[in-house]
Amino acid sequence: AESVERRVREAVSEGAQLIDVGGYSSRPGADEVPADEEWRRVRLGVGTVRRLAPGMTVSVDTFRSEVAAKAVETFGPLVVNDISAGELDPAMLSVVADCGVPYIAMHMKGDPKTMQSQTDYRRDIVTEVVGYFRRRTDEMLAAGIRRENIILDPGFGFAKTTEQNYELLAGLHRLCALGYPVLAGLSRKSMIYKVLDATPAESLAGTVALGWECLRQGAAILRVHDVREAVDTVKLFNMFRQ
């Protein structure tokens, strides 16, 4: 609990506009976490944010509709951040629609345990991801999720090779052209540190550089580990654009 508090205080003081709380690691090869343990962690995390920064927007990183529903029931409106875009739990879309909350839908294949073996795409990755979100957003709207509540995440590093991640980055504007806000999360990921022959800890400059490129192509949200540097990047980008 102490480390959660420390992290929340740090993110708030550095200018975060949204804090993402997850109880289930989604990194490649991650082990499964039972639903009750995931909820225990989420409750602790969201409770901490609400206590220390009551006005802060919170997203709950979960692909389980029961965890999403409990979080909204317990803490009121928050954002649901689903790495599977509703595919790992068929009830998710209707639960999000019922709750009337914003929904971040991410592209991946398989689940965290299997996704890195699923990097074959019939067409180029950008066409594939854009086509996927065309279909999925239709399903979200049909389930009753409001258009203005949908946010898309291309899923850098999820079921994608390093080359595919860069193709996707180069075509990010095509995803932004669908008309939904796009969230880009590539902070300290292997698409940076493998190319640099470095560690995640040594990948801050790479994260900032690629973050600017995401903004340039129209991304609306950067999901990062290093908040202050991302806030600076956004400030400079806005100045540059003006």
Foldseek 3Di string as FASTA:
>chain_A
DVVLLVLLVVLVVLPDQEEEFWQFDQAAQGDDDDPVSRLVRRCVNVVSNCVPPVVHAYEYEDLDLVSVLVCCVPNNAHEYEYQALCPVPVCNLLSCLVSQHAYEYEDFPDGRNPGLVQQDDPDQLQVVLLVVVVVSVVVSVVSRHDPQRYEYEHDQNHSHDLVSSVVCLVVVLVNVVVPHAYEYEDQLHCNQCVVVVHHSVPRPVVLLVSLLSNVVSPHDHYDYSDNNSSVVSVVVSVVVVD
